[in-house]
Amino acid sequence: SCSVKSNQISTFDGAKISANLDPCYRLLVGQCTESKSFAIFVRKISSESAKMEVKIILPEDEINLVPGQQLMVEDYINGDPIKNSAYQKISTKNNTIE
């Protein structure tokens, strides 16, 4: 697995990289082949905040996970808000995200 904190990225192979994240999106992981294509971006909501937004880009969909009020996450698929649920299953054409 990999993880991101406001000042450090831990890679799949266990390396730790210093990173001063800002409100610009940074590519966390991606794959682009004929059979599979996706990208996951991360950014800080603002320079003053430690909260981060995650953007998942799939061939036909874009999913945004945005920190909201009271430790909730506001989720969007293609710009449309979706209901928060601890174990929500989202079907998007040929892709299923759990």
N, C-alpha and C. Protein backbone atom coordinates (compact mmCIF):
# COMPACT_ATOMS: atom_id res chain seq x y z
N SER A 1 0.84 -1.18 0.00
CA SER A 1 0.00 0.00 0.00
C SER A 1 0.88 1.24 0.00
N CYS A 2 0.29 2.36 -0.32
CA CYS A 2 0.99 3.63 -0.23
C CYS A 2 0.12 4.57 0.60
N SER A 3 0.75 5.61 1.14
CA SER A 3 -0.01 6.57 1.94
C SER A 3 0.57 7.96 1.76
N VAL A 4 -0.26 8.95 2.09
CA VAL A 4 0.14 10.34 1.93
C VAL A 4 -0.20 11.10 3.20
N LYS A 5 0.76 11.85 3.70
CA LYS A 5 0.52 12.81 4.77
C LYS A 5 0.88 14.16 4.20
N SER A 6 0.58 15.22 4.92
CA SER A 6 0.81 16.56 4.37
C SER A 6 2.28 16.82 4.05
N ASN A 7 3.20 16.09 4.65
CA ASN A 7 4.62 16.33 4.37
C ASN A 7 5.41 15.08 4.00
N GLN A 8 4.73 13.95 3.79
CA GLN A 8 5.45 12.71 3.49
C GLN A 8 4.59 11.75 2.67
N ILE A 9 5.22 11.09 1.71
CA ILE A 9 4.58 10.05 0.92
C ILE A 9 5.31 8.74 1.18
N SER A 10 4.56 7.69 1.52
CA SER A 10 5.12 6.35 1.67
C SER A 10 4.75 5.56 0.43
N THR A 11 5.74 5.01 -0.25
CA THR A 11 5.51 4.33 -1.52
C THR A 11 5.17 2.85 -1.32
N PHE A 12 4.78 2.20 -2.42
CA PHE A 12 4.43 0.78 -2.37
C PHE A 12 5.58 -0.09 -1.88
N ASP A 13 6.81 0.32 -2.15
CA ASP A 13 7.96 -0.48 -1.73
C ASP A 13 8.51 -0.06 -0.37
N GLY A 14 7.77 0.79 0.36
CA GLY A 14 8.15 1.16 1.72
C GLY A 14 9.03 2.39 1.83
N ALA A 15 9.43 2.99 0.72
CA ALA A 15 10.25 4.20 0.78
C ALA A 15 9.41 5.37 1.29
N LYS A 16 10.06 6.27 2.01
CA LYS A 16 9.40 7.47 2.50
C LYS A 16 10.03 8.68 1.83
N ILE A 17 9.19 9.51 1.22
CA ILE A 17 9.66 10.66 0.45
C ILE A 17 9.09 11.92 1.07
N SER A 18 9.96 12.90 1.34
CA SER A 18 9.49 14.20 1.83
C SER A 18 8.71 14.89 0.72
N ALA A 19 7.59 15.47 1.08
CA ALA A 19 6.77 16.17 0.10
C ALA A 19 5.99 17.26 0.81
N ASN A 20 6.17 18.47 0.37
CA ASN A 20 5.37 19.57 0.90
C ASN A 20 4.20 19.78 -0.05
N LEU A 21 3.11 19.10 0.24
CA LEU A 21 1.94 19.19 -0.63
C LEU A 21 1.31 20.57 -0.52
N ASP A 22 0.71 21.00 -1.61
CA ASP A 22 0.03 22.28 -1.67
C ASP A 22 -1.30 22.09 -2.39
N PRO A 23 -2.04 23.16 -2.69
CA PRO A 23 -3.34 23.00 -3.34
C PRO A 23 -3.30 22.52 -4.79
N CYS A 24 -2.13 22.23 -5.34
CA CYS A 24 -2.04 21.69 -6.70
C CYS A 24 -2.12 20.16 -6.63
N TYR A 25 -2.82 19.55 -7.59
CA TYR A 25 -2.91 18.09 -7.62
C TYR A 25 -1.55 17.47 -7.92
N ARG A 26 -1.25 16.35 -7.24
CA ARG A 26 -0.04 15.57 -7.47
C ARG A 26 -0.48 14.15 -7.81
N LEU A 27 0.16 13.55 -8.80
CA LEU A 27 -0.15 12.17 -9.17
C LEU A 27 0.41 11.24 -8.11
N LEU A 28 -0.46 10.46 -7.48
CA LEU A 28 -0.04 9.51 -6.46
C LEU A 28 0.29 8.17 -7.10
N VAL A 29 -0.59 7.68 -7.97
CA VAL A 29 -0.37 6.42 -8.67
C VAL A 29 -1.22 6.44 -9.94
N GLY A 30 -0.74 5.75 -10.95
CA GLY A 30 -1.51 5.68 -12.18
C GLY A 30 -1.05 4.52 -13.04
N GLN A 31 -1.90 4.12 -13.94
CA GLN A 31 -1.58 3.06 -14.90
C GLN A 31 -2.31 3.39 -16.19
N CYS A 32 -1.60 3.25 -17.28
CA CYS A 32 -2.22 3.53 -18.57
C CYS A 32 -1.78 2.45 -19.56
N THR A 33 -2.62 1.45 -19.73
CA THR A 33 -2.37 0.39 -20.70
C THR A 33 -3.63 0.23 -21.54
N GLU A 34 -3.56 -0.61 -22.55
CA GLU A 34 -4.74 -0.83 -23.39
C GLU A 34 -5.90 -1.44 -22.61
N SER A 35 -5.60 -2.31 -21.65
CA SER A 35 -6.68 -3.00 -20.94
C SER A 35 -7.14 -2.27 -19.67
N LYS A 36 -6.25 -1.51 -19.04
CA LYS A 36 -6.61 -0.83 -17.79
C LYS A 36 -6.01 0.57 -17.78
N SER A 37 -6.77 1.50 -17.25
CA SER A 37 -6.30 2.87 -17.16
C SER A 37 -6.93 3.54 -15.96
N PHE A 38 -6.11 4.14 -15.10
CA PHE A 38 -6.62 4.90 -13.97
C PHE A 38 -5.53 5.84 -13.47
N ALA A 39 -5.92 6.82 -12.70
CA ALA A 39 -4.97 7.72 -12.04
C ALA A 39 -5.58 8.17 -10.72
N ILE A 40 -4.75 8.29 -9.70
CA ILE A 40 -5.18 8.81 -8.41
C ILE A 40 -4.32 10.02 -8.08
N PHE A 41 -4.99 11.15 -7.88
CA PHE A 41 -4.31 12.39 -7.55
C PHE A 41 -4.67 12.79 -6.13
N VAL A 42 -3.79 13.56 -5.49
CA VAL A 42 -4.05 14.06 -4.14
C VAL A 42 -3.59 15.52 -4.08
N ARG A 43 -4.27 16.31 -3.25
CA ARG A 43 -3.85 17.69 -3.02
C ARG A 43 -4.37 18.14 -1.67
N LYS A 44 -3.69 19.12 -1.07
CA LYS A 44 -4.20 19.75 0.14
C LYS A 44 -5.33 20.68 -0.26
N ILE A 45 -6.35 20.78 0.58
CA ILE A 45 -7.48 21.66 0.30
C ILE A 45 -7.04 23.11 0.23
N SER A 46 -6.14 23.51 1.14
CA SER A 46 -5.58 24.86 1.13
C SER A 46 -4.19 24.81 1.76
N SER A 47 -3.43 25.85 1.58
CA SER A 47 -2.07 25.90 2.14
C SER A 47 -2.09 25.82 3.65
N GLU A 48 -3.15 26.34 4.28
CA GLU A 48 -3.24 26.40 5.74
C GLU A 48 -3.81 25.13 6.35
N SER A 49 -4.38 24.25 5.57
CA SER A 49 -5.08 23.07 6.09
C SER A 49 -4.26 21.80 5.86
N ALA A 50 -4.42 20.84 6.76
CA ALA A 50 -3.81 19.52 6.57
C ALA A 50 -4.76 18.58 5.83
N LYS A 51 -6.02 19.00 5.64
CA LYS A 51 -7.00 18.15 4.95
C LYS A 51 -6.64 18.00 3.48
N MET A 52 -6.88 16.78 2.96
CA MET A 52 -6.55 16.50 1.57
C MET A 52 -7.75 16.00 0.79
N GLU A 53 -7.74 16.30 -0.49
CA GLU A 53 -8.74 15.83 -1.44
C GLU A 53 -8.09 14.75 -2.30
N VAL A 54 -8.86 13.70 -2.61
CA VAL A 54 -8.39 12.63 -3.49
C VAL A 54 -9.26 12.63 -4.73
N LYS A 55 -8.62 12.58 -5.90
CA LYS A 55 -9.34 12.51 -7.17
C LYS A 55 -8.94 11.22 -7.86
N ILE A 56 -9.93 10.38 -8.18
CA ILE A 56 -9.69 9.11 -8.87
C ILE A 56 -10.25 9.26 -10.28
N ILE A 57 -9.40 9.05 -11.26
CA ILE A 57 -9.83 9.18 -12.65
C ILE A 57 -9.80 7.80 -13.30
N LEU A 58 -10.98 7.38 -13.78
CA LEU A 58 -11.15 6.11 -14.48
C LEU A 58 -11.47 6.43 -15.94
N PRO A 59 -11.46 5.44 -16.81
CA PRO A 59 -11.71 5.73 -18.23
C PRO A 59 -13.00 6.51 -18.49
N GLU A 60 -14.06 6.22 -17.75
CA GLU A 60 -15.33 6.90 -18.02
C GLU A 60 -15.87 7.68 -16.83
N ASP A 61 -15.13 7.75 -15.73
CA ASP A 61 -15.64 8.42 -14.54
C ASP A 61 -14.53 9.14 -13.80
N GLU A 62 -14.94 10.14 -13.02
CA GLU A 62 -14.04 10.85 -12.12
C GLU A 62 -14.70 10.87 -10.75
N ILE A 63 -13.96 10.43 -9.73
CA ILE A 63 -14.48 10.36 -8.37
C ILE A 63 -13.65 11.29 -7.50
N ASN A 64 -14.32 12.18 -6.76
CA ASN A 64 -13.63 13.09 -5.86
C ASN A 64 -14.03 12.78 -4.43
N LEU A 65 -13.06 12.63 -3.55
CA LEU A 65 -13.28 12.44 -2.13
C LEU A 65 -12.78 13.71 -1.45
N VAL A 66 -13.70 14.49 -0.91
CA VAL A 66 -13.39 15.81 -0.37
C VAL A 66 -13.71 15.84 1.11
N PRO A 67 -12.76 16.26 1.96
CA PRO A 67 -13.08 16.37 3.39
C PRO A 67 -14.22 17.35 3.60
N GLY A 68 -15.16 16.97 4.42
CA GLY A 68 -16.31 17.83 4.69
C GLY A 68 -16.34 18.25 6.14
N GLN A 69 -17.50 18.59 6.62
CA GLN A 69 -17.70 19.01 8.00
C GLN A 69 -17.68 17.80 8.93
N GLN A 70 -17.26 17.99 10.16
CA GLN A 70 -17.34 16.99 11.23
C GLN A 70 -16.76 15.63 10.83
N LEU A 71 -15.57 15.63 10.26
CA LEU A 71 -14.83 14.42 9.91
C LEU A 71 -15.54 13.54 8.88
N MET A 72 -16.50 14.09 8.16
CA MET A 72 -17.17 13.35 7.09
C MET A 72 -16.43 13.61 5.78
N VAL A 73 -16.62 12.74 4.82
CA VAL A 73 -16.06 12.93 3.49
C VAL A 73 -17.21 13.14 2.53
N GLU A 74 -17.10 14.18 1.71
CA GLU A 74 -18.11 14.43 0.69
C GLU A 74 -17.62 13.77 -0.60
N ASP A 75 -18.40 12.86 -1.13
CA ASP A 75 -18.00 12.10 -2.32
C ASP A 75 -18.76 12.59 -3.54
N TYR A 76 -18.06 12.62 -4.67
CA TYR A 76 -18.67 13.04 -5.92
C TYR A 76 -18.27 12.08 -7.02
N ILE A 77 -19.21 11.74 -7.89
CA ILE A 77 -18.90 10.99 -9.11
C ILE A 77 -19.32 11.88 -10.26
N ASN A 78 -18.36 12.18 -11.11
CA ASN A 78 -18.59 13.06 -12.26
C ASN A 78 -19.28 14.36 -11.84
N GLY A 79 -18.88 14.89 -10.68
CA GLY A 79 -19.41 16.16 -10.20
C GLY A 79 -20.70 16.08 -9.43
N ASP A 80 -21.35 14.92 -9.38
CA ASP A 80 -22.61 14.76 -8.67
C ASP A 80 -22.35 14.21 -7.27
N PRO A 81 -22.86 14.87 -6.20
CA PRO A 81 -22.64 14.36 -4.85
C PRO A 81 -23.33 13.02 -4.64
N ILE A 82 -22.70 12.16 -3.84
CA ILE A 82 -23.30 10.87 -3.49
C ILE A 82 -23.40 10.78 -1.98
N LYS A 83 -24.29 9.93 -1.50
CA LYS A 83 -24.54 9.75 -0.08
C LYS A 83 -23.36 9.06 0.58
N ASN A 84 -22.98 9.53 1.77
CA ASN A 84 -21.90 8.90 2.52
C ASN A 84 -22.38 7.61 3.15
N SER A 85 -21.54 6.59 3.10
CA SER A 85 -21.85 5.31 3.71
C SER A 85 -20.53 4.60 3.97
N ALA A 86 -20.42 3.94 5.10
CA ALA A 86 -19.16 3.28 5.44
C ALA A 86 -18.80 2.19 4.44
N TYR A 87 -19.78 1.48 3.92
CA TYR A 87 -19.52 0.41 2.97
C TYR A 87 -20.38 0.59 1.73
N GLN A 88 -20.22 1.70 1.10
CA GLN A 88 -21.03 2.02 -0.07
C GLN A 88 -20.45 1.35 -1.30
N LYS A 89 -21.30 0.77 -2.12
CA LYS A 89 -20.88 0.17 -3.38
C LYS A 89 -21.40 1.05 -4.50
N ILE A 90 -20.52 1.47 -5.36
CA ILE A 90 -20.88 2.37 -6.45
C ILE A 90 -20.64 1.65 -7.75
N SER A 91 -21.66 1.49 -8.56
CA SER A 91 -21.49 0.88 -9.87
C SER A 91 -21.45 1.99 -10.91
N THR A 92 -20.44 1.96 -11.76
CA THR A 92 -20.29 2.96 -12.80
C THR A 92 -19.99 2.25 -14.11
N LYS A 93 -21.02 2.05 -14.92
CA LYS A 93 -20.91 1.36 -16.20
C LYS A 93 -20.16 0.05 -16.04
N ASN A 94 -18.94 -0.08 -16.54
CA ASN A 94 -18.21 -1.35 -16.46
C ASN A 94 -17.34 -1.46 -15.22
N ASN A 95 -17.25 -0.40 -14.42
CA ASN A 95 -16.38 -0.40 -13.25
C ASN A 95 -17.22 -0.50 -11.99
N THR A 96 -16.73 -1.23 -10.99
CA THR A 96 -17.37 -1.29 -9.69
C THR A 96 -16.35 -0.89 -8.64
N ILE A 97 -16.74 0.03 -7.79
CA ILE A 97 -15.85 0.50 -6.74
C ILE A 97 -16.52 0.17 -5.42
N GLU A 98 -15.80 -0.48 -4.52
CA GLU A 98 -16.36 -0.81 -3.21
C GLU A 98 -15.63 -0.06 -2.13
